[in-house]
Amino acid sequence: MPSFSFKKFMKFILGRKLKMSQVFDENGNVIPVTLVEAGPCFITQVKTEEKDKYSAVQIGFIPKKKNIKKTEKGKEFYFLKEFKCLKDECSNFKIGDKIDVNIFEEGDKIKVSGISKGKGYQGVIKRWDFKRKPGSHGTKHEERAMGSTGSRYPQRVIKGRKMPGRTGSERITIKNLKIIKIDKENNILAIKGAVPGAKNTLLEIKQ
């Protein structure tokens, strides 16, 4: 499949979080990085304003090895994501074009989106960083309790009150991350700092 040049257009790719590591710069300083397997991805659909009322490019990541049934046509990849683009940019994409780490350069600033780690049902101390109650002076079996939730008026719990509940498993976007190194042979990006999610989490990477 042909490879597309993104030098003059927006850059985007899907990746999979591998692990965290560290590299050293020219001065010997340690830089924490996250290793991400980015691509190769393939353009599966190009949406236009004339036909779909908006302009976007759909790409697929990790092709399925088994035979695809007729009912699964268009689902040849495990992951499919759309990236909106300008009308002039979308006209330059073609179905089947290959997207890999060659579209990026070391030093590029990127935006990474993913689903954060799920921590289940948690109390207010872990979920909202509340403080514990005093360990003496009458406190009994409620050191980690949240305390009063109501008010004198209105006589109800106000919406948005910080309370116990499910923690994590939310879409998180981190901006202005820097690409430190690129391994073009293995399609691996070394991104400075941490990115959302656990190991093997699907990531959306945009410039």
N, C-alpha and C. Protein backbone atom coordinates (compact mmCIF):
# COMPACT_ATOMS: atom_id res chain seq x y z
N MET A 1 0.84 -1.19 0.00
CA MET A 1 0.00 0.00 0.00
C MET A 1 0.88 1.25 0.00
N PRO A 2 0.46 2.31 -0.69
CA PRO A 2 1.28 3.52 -0.74
C PRO A 2 1.33 4.22 0.59
N SER A 3 2.40 4.94 0.81
CA SER A 3 2.58 5.71 2.03
C SER A 3 2.32 7.18 1.73
N PHE A 4 1.65 7.87 2.63
CA PHE A 4 1.24 9.26 2.40
C PHE A 4 2.20 10.21 3.10
N SER A 5 2.49 11.33 2.48
CA SER A 5 3.37 12.33 3.04
C SER A 5 2.56 13.36 3.82
N PHE A 6 2.87 13.53 5.11
CA PHE A 6 2.14 14.44 5.98
C PHE A 6 2.95 15.71 6.27
N LYS A 7 3.95 16.00 5.49
CA LYS A 7 4.82 17.11 5.83
C LYS A 7 4.06 18.43 5.88
N LYS A 8 3.05 18.62 5.00
CA LYS A 8 2.36 19.89 4.93
C LYS A 8 0.95 19.81 5.50
N PHE A 9 0.58 18.66 6.08
CA PHE A 9 -0.77 18.49 6.56
C PHE A 9 -0.75 18.05 8.02
N MET A 10 -1.94 17.97 8.61
CA MET A 10 -2.05 17.56 9.99
C MET A 10 -1.54 16.14 10.16
N LYS A 11 -0.97 15.86 11.32
CA LYS A 11 -0.40 14.55 11.60
C LYS A 11 -1.25 13.85 12.65
N PHE A 12 -1.62 12.61 12.40
CA PHE A 12 -2.37 11.84 13.37
C PHE A 12 -2.09 10.36 13.16
N ILE A 13 -2.20 9.59 14.24
CA ILE A 13 -1.92 8.16 14.18
C ILE A 13 -2.51 7.52 15.43
N LEU A 14 -2.76 6.22 15.36
CA LEU A 14 -3.19 5.44 16.51
C LEU A 14 -2.00 4.64 17.02
N GLY A 15 -1.96 4.45 18.32
CA GLY A 15 -0.86 3.72 18.92
C GLY A 15 -1.31 2.88 20.10
N ARG A 16 -0.36 2.11 20.62
CA ARG A 16 -0.64 1.25 21.77
C ARG A 16 0.46 1.46 22.80
N LYS A 17 0.06 1.77 24.02
CA LYS A 17 1.03 2.03 25.09
C LYS A 17 1.76 0.74 25.46
N LEU A 18 3.08 0.80 25.49
CA LEU A 18 3.89 -0.36 25.82
C LEU A 18 4.35 -0.32 27.28
N LYS A 19 5.20 0.63 27.60
CA LYS A 19 5.73 0.73 28.96
C LYS A 19 6.44 2.06 29.11
N MET A 20 6.87 2.35 30.34
CA MET A 20 7.67 3.55 30.60
C MET A 20 9.14 3.16 30.69
N SER A 21 9.99 4.11 30.32
CA SER A 21 11.42 3.89 30.35
C SER A 21 12.10 5.23 30.59
N GLN A 22 13.39 5.29 30.34
CA GLN A 22 14.11 6.55 30.50
C GLN A 22 15.27 6.60 29.52
N VAL A 23 15.58 7.81 29.10
CA VAL A 23 16.71 8.04 28.20
C VAL A 23 17.54 9.19 28.79
N PHE A 24 18.73 9.36 28.24
CA PHE A 24 19.62 10.41 28.71
C PHE A 24 19.86 11.41 27.58
N ASP A 25 19.87 12.70 27.94
CA ASP A 25 20.15 13.72 26.94
C ASP A 25 21.64 13.95 26.80
N GLU A 26 22.02 14.96 26.05
CA GLU A 26 23.43 15.23 25.80
C GLU A 26 24.20 15.61 27.06
N ASN A 27 23.49 16.19 28.03
CA ASN A 27 24.14 16.60 29.28
C ASN A 27 24.11 15.53 30.36
N GLY A 28 23.57 14.36 30.02
CA GLY A 28 23.50 13.27 30.99
C GLY A 28 22.29 13.32 31.89
N ASN A 29 21.33 14.19 31.62
CA ASN A 29 20.13 14.27 32.44
C ASN A 29 19.15 13.16 32.05
N VAL A 30 18.47 12.63 33.04
CA VAL A 30 17.51 11.55 32.81
C VAL A 30 16.18 12.14 32.34
N ILE A 31 15.62 11.58 31.27
CA ILE A 31 14.33 12.00 30.76
C ILE A 31 13.38 10.81 30.81
N PRO A 32 12.32 10.87 31.62
CA PRO A 32 11.34 9.77 31.63
C PRO A 32 10.51 9.79 30.36
N VAL A 33 10.34 8.65 29.74
CA VAL A 33 9.59 8.56 28.49
C VAL A 33 8.62 7.39 28.55
N THR A 34 7.59 7.49 27.73
CA THR A 34 6.65 6.40 27.52
C THR A 34 6.83 5.86 26.11
N LEU A 35 7.02 4.55 26.00
CA LEU A 35 7.19 3.92 24.71
C LEU A 35 5.83 3.54 24.14
N VAL A 36 5.56 4.01 22.94
CA VAL A 36 4.27 3.78 22.30
C VAL A 36 4.49 3.14 20.93
N GLU A 37 3.81 2.03 20.69
CA GLU A 37 3.84 1.40 19.36
C GLU A 37 2.82 2.13 18.49
N ALA A 38 3.30 2.99 17.61
CA ALA A 38 2.44 3.84 16.80
C ALA A 38 2.37 3.31 15.37
N GLY A 39 1.21 2.79 15.00
CA GLY A 39 1.01 2.29 13.64
C GLY A 39 1.73 0.98 13.40
N PRO A 40 1.81 0.58 12.13
CA PRO A 40 1.28 1.32 10.98
C PRO A 40 -0.25 1.28 10.91
N CYS A 41 -0.83 2.40 10.46
CA CYS A 41 -2.27 2.51 10.28
C CYS A 41 -2.56 2.69 8.79
N PHE A 42 -3.80 2.40 8.42
CA PHE A 42 -4.20 2.50 7.02
C PHE A 42 -5.52 3.27 6.93
N ILE A 43 -5.61 4.13 5.95
CA ILE A 43 -6.83 4.91 5.75
C ILE A 43 -7.91 3.99 5.19
N THR A 44 -9.02 3.89 5.90
CA THR A 44 -10.12 3.01 5.51
C THR A 44 -11.31 3.76 4.93
N GLN A 45 -11.40 5.06 5.21
CA GLN A 45 -12.54 5.82 4.71
C GLN A 45 -12.22 7.32 4.74
N VAL A 46 -12.67 8.03 3.74
CA VAL A 46 -12.53 9.49 3.69
C VAL A 46 -13.92 10.09 3.58
N LYS A 47 -14.31 10.87 4.58
CA LYS A 47 -15.64 11.46 4.61
C LYS A 47 -15.57 12.92 4.15
N THR A 48 -16.54 13.30 3.36
CA THR A 48 -16.58 14.64 2.78
C THR A 48 -17.86 15.36 3.20
N GLU A 49 -17.83 16.68 3.08
CA GLU A 49 -18.99 17.49 3.45
C GLU A 49 -20.15 17.26 2.49
N GLU A 50 -19.85 16.98 1.24
CA GLU A 50 -20.92 16.75 0.27
C GLU A 50 -21.71 15.48 0.57
N LYS A 51 -21.04 14.46 1.04
CA LYS A 51 -21.69 13.18 1.26
C LYS A 51 -22.05 12.94 2.71
N ASP A 52 -21.16 13.30 3.63
CA ASP A 52 -21.34 12.98 5.05
C ASP A 52 -21.58 14.19 5.93
N LYS A 53 -21.64 15.40 5.34
CA LYS A 53 -21.92 16.64 6.07
C LYS A 53 -20.74 17.10 6.93
N TYR A 54 -19.61 16.41 6.90
CA TYR A 54 -18.41 16.85 7.60
C TYR A 54 -17.21 16.16 6.98
N SER A 55 -16.03 16.74 7.21
CA SER A 55 -14.80 16.21 6.63
C SER A 55 -14.00 15.48 7.71
N ALA A 56 -13.62 14.26 7.42
CA ALA A 56 -12.86 13.46 8.38
C ALA A 56 -12.18 12.31 7.65
N VAL A 57 -11.19 11.76 8.31
CA VAL A 57 -10.46 10.61 7.79
C VAL A 57 -10.53 9.49 8.82
N GLN A 58 -10.93 8.32 8.39
CA GLN A 58 -11.00 7.15 9.27
C GLN A 58 -9.79 6.26 9.01
N ILE A 59 -9.09 5.87 10.08
CA ILE A 59 -7.92 5.00 9.94
C ILE A 59 -8.11 3.74 10.78
N GLY A 60 -7.48 2.67 10.36
CA GLY A 60 -7.54 1.39 11.05
C GLY A 60 -6.18 1.01 11.61
N PHE A 61 -6.22 0.34 12.76
CA PHE A 61 -4.99 -0.05 13.45
C PHE A 61 -5.09 -1.50 13.88
N ILE A 62 -4.04 -2.26 13.69
CA ILE A 62 -3.92 -3.69 14.00
C ILE A 62 -4.90 -4.49 13.15
N PRO A 63 -4.49 -4.94 11.98
CA PRO A 63 -5.39 -5.72 11.11
C PRO A 63 -5.71 -7.10 11.68
N LYS A 64 -6.91 -7.56 11.38
CA LYS A 64 -7.33 -8.88 11.82
C LYS A 64 -6.71 -9.94 10.91
N LYS A 65 -6.22 -11.01 11.50
CA LYS A 65 -5.55 -12.04 10.73
C LYS A 65 -6.53 -13.08 10.17
N LYS A 66 -7.70 -13.21 10.79
CA LYS A 66 -8.66 -14.20 10.34
C LYS A 66 -9.40 -13.70 9.11
N ASN A 67 -10.08 -14.61 8.43
CA ASN A 67 -10.85 -14.24 7.25
C ASN A 67 -12.04 -13.37 7.66
N ILE A 68 -12.29 -12.34 6.89
CA ILE A 68 -13.37 -11.40 7.19
C ILE A 68 -14.64 -11.86 6.48
N LYS A 69 -15.75 -11.94 7.24
CA LYS A 69 -17.03 -12.32 6.67
C LYS A 69 -17.64 -11.13 5.93
N LYS A 70 -18.62 -11.43 5.12
CA LYS A 70 -19.29 -10.36 4.38
C LYS A 70 -19.98 -9.39 5.31
N THR A 71 -20.50 -9.90 6.44
CA THR A 71 -21.18 -9.02 7.40
C THR A 71 -20.20 -8.12 8.14
N GLU A 72 -18.90 -8.44 8.09
CA GLU A 72 -17.88 -7.66 8.77
C GLU A 72 -17.09 -6.77 7.81
N LYS A 73 -17.64 -6.55 6.63
CA LYS A 73 -16.94 -5.74 5.66
C LYS A 73 -16.77 -4.32 6.18
N GLY A 74 -15.57 -3.80 6.08
CA GLY A 74 -15.25 -2.50 6.63
C GLY A 74 -14.70 -2.57 8.04
N LYS A 75 -14.62 -3.78 8.61
CA LYS A 75 -14.09 -3.98 9.95
C LYS A 75 -12.86 -4.90 9.90
N GLU A 76 -11.98 -4.64 8.96
CA GLU A 76 -10.78 -5.45 8.81
C GLU A 76 -9.74 -5.17 9.88
N PHE A 77 -9.98 -4.15 10.72
CA PHE A 77 -9.03 -3.78 11.76
C PHE A 77 -9.71 -3.86 13.12
N TYR A 78 -8.89 -4.10 14.14
CA TYR A 78 -9.43 -4.17 15.49
C TYR A 78 -9.85 -2.79 16.00
N PHE A 79 -9.16 -1.75 15.55
CA PHE A 79 -9.47 -0.40 16.01
C PHE A 79 -9.69 0.51 14.82
N LEU A 80 -10.78 1.28 14.87
CA LEU A 80 -11.09 2.27 13.85
C LEU A 80 -11.37 3.61 14.54
N LYS A 81 -10.74 4.66 14.05
CA LYS A 81 -10.94 5.98 14.64
C LYS A 81 -11.01 7.03 13.53
N GLU A 82 -11.79 8.07 13.80
CA GLU A 82 -11.90 9.18 12.86
C GLU A 82 -11.14 10.39 13.39
N PHE A 83 -10.54 11.11 12.47
CA PHE A 83 -9.88 12.37 12.79
C PHE A 83 -10.43 13.43 11.84
N LYS A 84 -11.01 14.47 12.41
CA LYS A 84 -11.56 15.54 11.58
C LYS A 84 -10.44 16.36 10.96
N CYS A 85 -10.68 16.83 9.78
CA CYS A 85 -9.67 17.62 9.07
C CYS A 85 -10.37 18.66 8.22
N LEU A 86 -9.58 19.57 7.68
CA LEU A 86 -10.12 20.59 6.80
C LEU A 86 -10.49 19.99 5.45
N LYS A 87 -11.38 20.67 4.76
CA LYS A 87 -11.86 20.16 3.48
C LYS A 87 -10.71 20.01 2.48
N ASP A 88 -9.81 20.98 2.47
CA ASP A 88 -8.69 20.91 1.54
C ASP A 88 -7.74 19.77 1.89
N GLU A 89 -7.60 19.49 3.17
CA GLU A 89 -6.69 18.42 3.59
C GLU A 89 -7.27 17.05 3.27
N CYS A 90 -8.56 16.87 3.50
CA CYS A 90 -9.17 15.56 3.27
C CYS A 90 -9.10 15.15 1.80
N SER A 91 -9.08 16.11 0.91
CA SER A 91 -9.03 15.77 -0.51
C SER A 91 -7.71 15.14 -0.90
N ASN A 92 -6.70 15.24 -0.06
CA ASN A 92 -5.39 14.68 -0.37
C ASN A 92 -5.23 13.24 0.13
N PHE A 93 -6.17 12.75 0.93
CA PHE A 93 -6.08 11.39 1.45
C PHE A 93 -6.76 10.41 0.50
N LYS A 94 -6.24 9.22 0.45
CA LYS A 94 -6.81 8.16 -0.37
C LYS A 94 -6.93 6.88 0.44
N ILE A 95 -7.97 6.12 0.16
CA ILE A 95 -8.19 4.85 0.87
C ILE A 95 -7.03 3.91 0.57
N GLY A 96 -6.49 3.33 1.63
CA GLY A 96 -5.36 2.41 1.48
C GLY A 96 -4.02 3.03 1.78
N ASP A 97 -3.95 4.36 1.92
CA ASP A 97 -2.67 5.00 2.25
C ASP A 97 -2.18 4.54 3.61
N LYS A 98 -0.90 4.40 3.74
CA LYS A 98 -0.27 3.91 4.97
C LYS A 98 0.22 5.09 5.80
N ILE A 99 -0.01 5.02 7.11
CA ILE A 99 0.46 6.04 8.04
C ILE A 99 1.35 5.35 9.07
N ASP A 100 2.57 5.82 9.22
CA ASP A 100 3.48 5.25 10.22
C ASP A 100 4.23 6.38 10.93
N VAL A 101 5.25 6.01 11.71
CA VAL A 101 5.96 7.00 12.52
C VAL A 101 6.79 7.96 11.68
N ASN A 102 6.94 7.70 10.40
CA ASN A 102 7.72 8.59 9.55
C ASN A 102 7.09 9.97 9.39
N ILE A 103 5.82 10.10 9.73
CA ILE A 103 5.16 11.41 9.62
C ILE A 103 5.62 12.36 10.72
N PHE A 104 6.21 11.81 11.80
CA PHE A 104 6.66 12.65 12.92
C PHE A 104 8.17 12.85 12.85
N GLU A 105 8.62 13.86 13.58
CA GLU A 105 10.03 14.14 13.72
C GLU A 105 10.36 14.34 15.19
N GLU A 106 11.59 14.03 15.55
CA GLU A 106 12.00 14.22 16.94
C GLU A 106 11.90 15.70 17.32
N GLY A 107 11.28 15.96 18.46
CA GLY A 107 11.05 17.33 18.90
C GLY A 107 9.65 17.84 18.64
N ASP A 108 8.84 17.08 17.89
CA ASP A 108 7.46 17.51 17.63
C ASP A 108 6.66 17.54 18.92
N LYS A 109 5.76 18.52 19.02
CA LYS A 109 4.82 18.61 20.14
C LYS A 109 3.52 17.94 19.72
N ILE A 110 3.01 17.05 20.54
CA ILE A 110 1.83 16.27 20.19
C ILE A 110 0.79 16.32 21.32
N LYS A 111 -0.40 15.86 20.97
CA LYS A 111 -1.50 15.72 21.93
C LYS A 111 -1.92 14.25 21.97
N VAL A 112 -1.95 13.66 23.16
CA VAL A 112 -2.23 12.23 23.31
C VAL A 112 -3.52 12.06 24.11
N SER A 113 -4.44 11.25 23.57
CA SER A 113 -5.71 10.97 24.24
C SER A 113 -5.85 9.47 24.46
N GLY A 114 -6.42 9.10 25.61
CA GLY A 114 -6.63 7.69 25.92
C GLY A 114 -7.54 7.55 27.12
N ILE A 115 -7.87 6.30 27.44
CA ILE A 115 -8.73 5.98 28.60
C ILE A 115 -7.84 5.70 29.80
N SER A 116 -8.08 6.42 30.89
CA SER A 116 -7.25 6.27 32.08
C SER A 116 -7.52 4.94 32.78
N LYS A 117 -6.64 4.59 33.69
CA LYS A 117 -6.79 3.34 34.44
C LYS A 117 -8.07 3.37 35.28
N GLY A 118 -8.80 2.26 35.30
CA GLY A 118 -9.99 2.16 36.12
C GLY A 118 -9.63 1.68 37.52
N LYS A 119 -10.15 2.37 38.53
CA LYS A 119 -9.83 2.03 39.92
C LYS A 119 -11.05 1.55 40.70
N GLY A 120 -12.16 1.36 40.00
CA GLY A 120 -13.34 0.84 40.67
C GLY A 120 -14.02 1.87 41.55
N TYR A 121 -14.83 1.38 42.49
CA TYR A 121 -15.58 2.25 43.40
C TYR A 121 -14.65 2.68 44.53
N GLN A 122 -14.46 3.99 44.69
CA GLN A 122 -13.53 4.51 45.69
C GLN A 122 -14.22 5.55 46.55
N GLY A 123 -13.65 5.73 47.75
CA GLY A 123 -14.13 6.75 48.66
C GLY A 123 -13.59 8.12 48.30
N VAL A 124 -13.98 9.11 49.10
CA VAL A 124 -13.64 10.48 48.76
C VAL A 124 -12.16 10.78 48.98
N ILE A 125 -11.49 10.02 49.84
CA ILE A 125 -10.07 10.29 50.09
C ILE A 125 -9.24 9.95 48.86
N LYS A 126 -9.50 8.81 48.27
CA LYS A 126 -8.74 8.41 47.09
C LYS A 126 -9.27 9.11 45.84
N ARG A 127 -10.58 9.33 45.77
CA ARG A 127 -11.16 9.89 44.56
C ARG A 127 -10.94 11.39 44.46
N TRP A 128 -11.10 12.11 45.58
CA TRP A 128 -11.04 13.58 45.55
C TRP A 128 -9.95 14.14 46.44
N ASP A 129 -9.12 13.31 47.04
CA ASP A 129 -8.02 13.76 47.88
C ASP A 129 -8.51 14.49 49.13
N PHE A 130 -9.61 14.01 49.71
CA PHE A 130 -10.08 14.57 50.98
C PHE A 130 -9.10 14.19 52.10
N LYS A 131 -9.13 14.96 53.19
CA LYS A 131 -8.32 14.65 54.35
C LYS A 131 -9.09 13.73 55.32
N ARG A 132 -8.33 12.98 56.09
CA ARG A 132 -8.95 12.14 57.12
C ARG A 132 -9.44 13.00 58.28
N LYS A 133 -10.40 12.45 59.00
CA LYS A 133 -10.84 13.11 60.23
C LYS A 133 -9.83 12.85 61.34
N PRO A 134 -9.88 13.63 62.42
CA PRO A 134 -8.95 13.40 63.53
C PRO A 134 -9.07 11.99 64.08
N GLY A 135 -7.96 11.45 64.55
CA GLY A 135 -7.97 10.09 65.08
C GLY A 135 -8.40 10.00 66.52
N SER A 136 -8.73 11.13 67.14
CA SER A 136 -9.15 11.13 68.54
C SER A 136 -10.30 12.10 68.72
N HIS A 137 -10.59 12.47 69.94
CA HIS A 137 -11.64 13.44 70.26
C HIS A 137 -13.01 13.00 69.72
N GLY A 138 -13.35 11.76 69.98
CA GLY A 138 -14.70 11.31 69.67
C GLY A 138 -14.88 10.68 68.30
N THR A 139 -13.87 10.70 67.43
CA THR A 139 -14.00 10.07 66.12
C THR A 139 -13.94 8.56 66.28
N LYS A 140 -14.97 7.89 65.76
CA LYS A 140 -15.04 6.44 65.93
C LYS A 140 -15.54 5.79 64.65
N HIS A 141 -14.69 4.98 64.03
CA HIS A 141 -15.04 4.18 62.85
C HIS A 141 -15.45 5.04 61.64
N GLU A 142 -15.03 6.29 61.60
CA GLU A 142 -15.39 7.11 60.46
C GLU A 142 -14.26 8.07 60.09
N GLU A 143 -13.02 7.60 60.26
CA GLU A 143 -11.88 8.45 59.94
C GLU A 143 -11.84 8.82 58.46
N ARG A 144 -12.37 7.94 57.60
CA ARG A 144 -12.32 8.20 56.15
C ARG A 144 -13.69 8.60 55.59
N ALA A 145 -14.64 8.90 56.47
CA ALA A 145 -15.96 9.32 56.02
C ALA A 145 -15.90 10.74 55.46
N MET A 146 -16.85 11.09 54.60
CA MET A 146 -16.82 12.38 53.93
C MET A 146 -17.44 13.51 54.73
N GLY A 147 -18.28 13.22 55.69
CA GLY A 147 -18.91 14.26 56.48
C GLY A 147 -20.24 14.69 55.90
N SER A 148 -20.71 15.85 56.27
CA SER A 148 -22.02 16.34 55.86
C SER A 148 -22.04 16.66 54.37
N THR A 149 -23.17 16.34 53.72
CA THR A 149 -23.31 16.62 52.29
C THR A 149 -24.42 17.62 52.00
N GLY A 150 -25.29 17.88 52.97
CA GLY A 150 -26.42 18.76 52.74
C GLY A 150 -26.12 20.19 53.15
N SER A 151 -27.16 21.00 53.15
CA SER A 151 -27.06 22.40 53.56
C SER A 151 -28.40 22.83 54.16
N ARG A 152 -28.39 23.98 54.77
CA ARG A 152 -29.64 24.48 55.37
C ARG A 152 -30.66 24.80 54.30
N TYR A 153 -30.19 25.39 53.20
CA TYR A 153 -31.08 25.63 52.07
C TYR A 153 -30.25 25.58 50.80
N PRO A 154 -30.71 24.88 49.79
CA PRO A 154 -31.93 24.05 49.74
C PRO A 154 -31.75 22.74 50.50
N GLN A 155 -32.84 22.17 50.91
CA GLN A 155 -32.80 20.96 51.74
C GLN A 155 -32.61 19.72 50.86
N ARG A 156 -31.49 19.67 50.21
CA ARG A 156 -31.17 18.52 49.36
C ARG A 156 -29.67 18.55 49.07
N VAL A 157 -29.20 17.47 48.49
CA VAL A 157 -27.80 17.41 48.09
C VAL A 157 -27.66 18.08 46.73
N ILE A 158 -26.80 19.08 46.64
CA ILE A 158 -26.62 19.84 45.42
C ILE A 158 -25.90 18.99 44.38
N LYS A 159 -26.32 19.10 43.14
CA LYS A 159 -25.68 18.36 42.06
C LYS A 159 -24.21 18.75 41.93
N GLY A 160 -23.40 17.76 41.66
CA GLY A 160 -21.97 18.01 41.51
C GLY A 160 -21.18 17.88 42.79
N ARG A 161 -21.83 17.55 43.89
CA ARG A 161 -21.13 17.38 45.15
C ARG A 161 -20.13 16.24 45.05
N LYS A 162 -18.92 16.47 45.56
CA LYS A 162 -17.89 15.43 45.51
C LYS A 162 -18.22 14.33 46.51
N MET A 163 -18.47 13.13 45.96
CA MET A 163 -18.89 11.99 46.79
C MET A 163 -18.19 10.73 46.30
N PRO A 164 -18.30 9.63 47.04
CA PRO A 164 -17.71 8.38 46.57
C PRO A 164 -18.33 7.94 45.25
N GLY A 165 -17.58 7.17 44.48
CA GLY A 165 -18.10 6.69 43.21
C GLY A 165 -17.03 6.02 42.39
N ARG A 166 -17.39 5.68 41.17
CA ARG A 166 -16.44 5.02 40.28
C ARG A 166 -15.31 5.97 39.90
N THR A 167 -14.12 5.48 39.95
CA THR A 167 -12.94 6.31 39.70
C THR A 167 -12.18 5.77 38.50
N GLY A 168 -11.70 6.66 37.65
CA GLY A 168 -10.93 6.26 36.48
C GLY A 168 -11.81 5.87 35.31
N SER A 169 -11.19 5.21 34.32
CA SER A 169 -11.88 4.79 33.09
C SER A 169 -12.52 5.99 32.39
N GLU A 170 -11.81 7.10 32.36
CA GLU A 170 -12.29 8.32 31.71
C GLU A 170 -11.32 8.71 30.59
N ARG A 171 -11.87 9.40 29.60
CA ARG A 171 -11.03 9.85 28.51
C ARG A 171 -10.20 11.05 28.97
N ILE A 172 -8.89 10.90 28.84
CA ILE A 172 -7.95 11.92 29.28
C ILE A 172 -7.13 12.38 28.07
N THR A 173 -6.92 13.68 27.96
CA THR A 173 -6.10 14.25 26.89
C THR A 173 -4.98 15.07 27.52
N ILE A 174 -3.76 14.79 27.12
CA ILE A 174 -2.59 15.53 27.59
C ILE A 174 -1.97 16.24 26.40
N LYS A 175 -1.79 17.55 26.53
CA LYS A 175 -1.27 18.36 25.44
C LYS A 175 0.21 18.68 25.65
N ASN A 176 0.83 19.11 24.55
CA ASN A 176 2.21 19.61 24.56
C ASN A 176 3.22 18.57 25.05
N LEU A 177 3.01 17.32 24.69
CA LEU A 177 4.00 16.29 24.96
C LEU A 177 5.04 16.31 23.84
N LYS A 178 6.25 15.98 24.17
CA LYS A 178 7.35 16.08 23.22
C LYS A 178 7.84 14.69 22.82
N ILE A 179 8.08 14.52 21.52
CA ILE A 179 8.66 13.26 21.03
C ILE A 179 10.17 13.34 21.19
N ILE A 180 10.73 12.43 21.98
CA ILE A 180 12.17 12.44 22.27
C ILE A 180 12.94 11.63 21.23
N LYS A 181 12.47 10.42 20.95
CA LYS A 181 13.15 9.56 19.98
C LYS A 181 12.12 8.82 19.15
N ILE A 182 12.53 8.41 17.95
CA ILE A 182 11.67 7.65 17.04
C ILE A 182 12.43 6.43 16.54
N ASP A 183 11.85 5.25 16.76
CA ASP A 183 12.41 4.01 16.23
C ASP A 183 11.59 3.63 15.00
N LYS A 184 12.08 3.99 13.82
CA LYS A 184 11.32 3.80 12.59
C LYS A 184 11.22 2.32 12.20
N GLU A 185 12.20 1.52 12.58
CA GLU A 185 12.16 0.10 12.22
C GLU A 185 11.06 -0.63 12.96
N ASN A 186 10.86 -0.29 14.24
CA ASN A 186 9.87 -0.98 15.06
C ASN A 186 8.60 -0.16 15.30
N ASN A 187 8.50 1.01 14.65
CA ASN A 187 7.32 1.88 14.80
C ASN A 187 7.05 2.24 16.26
N ILE A 188 8.07 2.72 16.93
CA ILE A 188 7.96 3.07 18.35
C ILE A 188 8.31 4.54 18.54
N LEU A 189 7.46 5.24 19.29
CA LEU A 189 7.70 6.62 19.68
C LEU A 189 8.06 6.67 21.15
N ALA A 190 9.09 7.42 21.49
CA ALA A 190 9.45 7.67 22.88
C ALA A 190 8.96 9.07 23.22
N ILE A 191 7.87 9.14 24.01
CA ILE A 191 7.21 10.40 24.34
C ILE A 191 7.59 10.81 25.74
N LYS A 192 7.98 12.06 25.90
CA LYS A 192 8.41 12.55 27.21
C LYS A 192 7.24 12.57 28.19
N GLY A 193 7.47 12.00 29.39
CA GLY A 193 6.45 12.01 30.42
C GLY A 193 5.51 10.82 30.33
N ALA A 194 4.42 10.91 31.08
CA ALA A 194 3.44 9.83 31.15
C ALA A 194 2.25 10.14 30.26
N VAL A 195 1.61 9.09 29.78
CA VAL A 195 0.40 9.21 28.97
C VAL A 195 -0.72 8.42 29.64
N PRO A 196 -1.98 8.69 29.31
CA PRO A 196 -3.08 8.02 30.01
C PRO A 196 -3.11 6.52 29.74
N GLY A 197 -3.68 5.78 30.70
CA GLY A 197 -3.98 4.38 30.49
C GLY A 197 -2.95 3.41 31.03
N ALA A 198 -3.36 2.14 31.01
CA ALA A 198 -2.48 1.05 31.43
C ALA A 198 -1.76 0.49 30.21
N LYS A 199 -1.05 -0.59 30.40
CA LYS A 199 -0.34 -1.24 29.31
C LYS A 199 -1.33 -1.71 28.25
N ASN A 200 -0.96 -1.53 26.96
CA ASN A 200 -1.76 -1.91 25.79
C ASN A 200 -2.99 -1.02 25.59
N THR A 201 -3.07 0.11 26.27
CA THR A 201 -4.18 1.04 26.06
C THR A 201 -4.07 1.69 24.68
N LEU A 202 -5.20 1.81 23.99
CA LEU A 202 -5.22 2.47 22.68
C LEU A 202 -5.08 3.97 22.88
N LEU A 203 -4.19 4.59 22.09
CA LEU A 203 -3.91 6.02 22.21
C LEU A 203 -4.15 6.70 20.86
N GLU A 204 -4.68 7.91 20.93
CA GLU A 204 -4.83 8.76 19.75
C GLU A 204 -3.77 9.85 19.83
N ILE A 205 -2.95 9.94 18.82
CA ILE A 205 -1.83 10.88 18.82
C ILE A 205 -2.04 11.87 17.68
N LYS A 206 -2.04 13.16 18.03
CA LYS A 206 -2.20 14.23 17.04
C LYS A 206 -1.18 15.31 17.29
N GLN A 207 -0.81 16.00 16.25
CA GLN A 207 0.06 17.16 16.39
C GLN A 207 -0.79 18.41 16.52
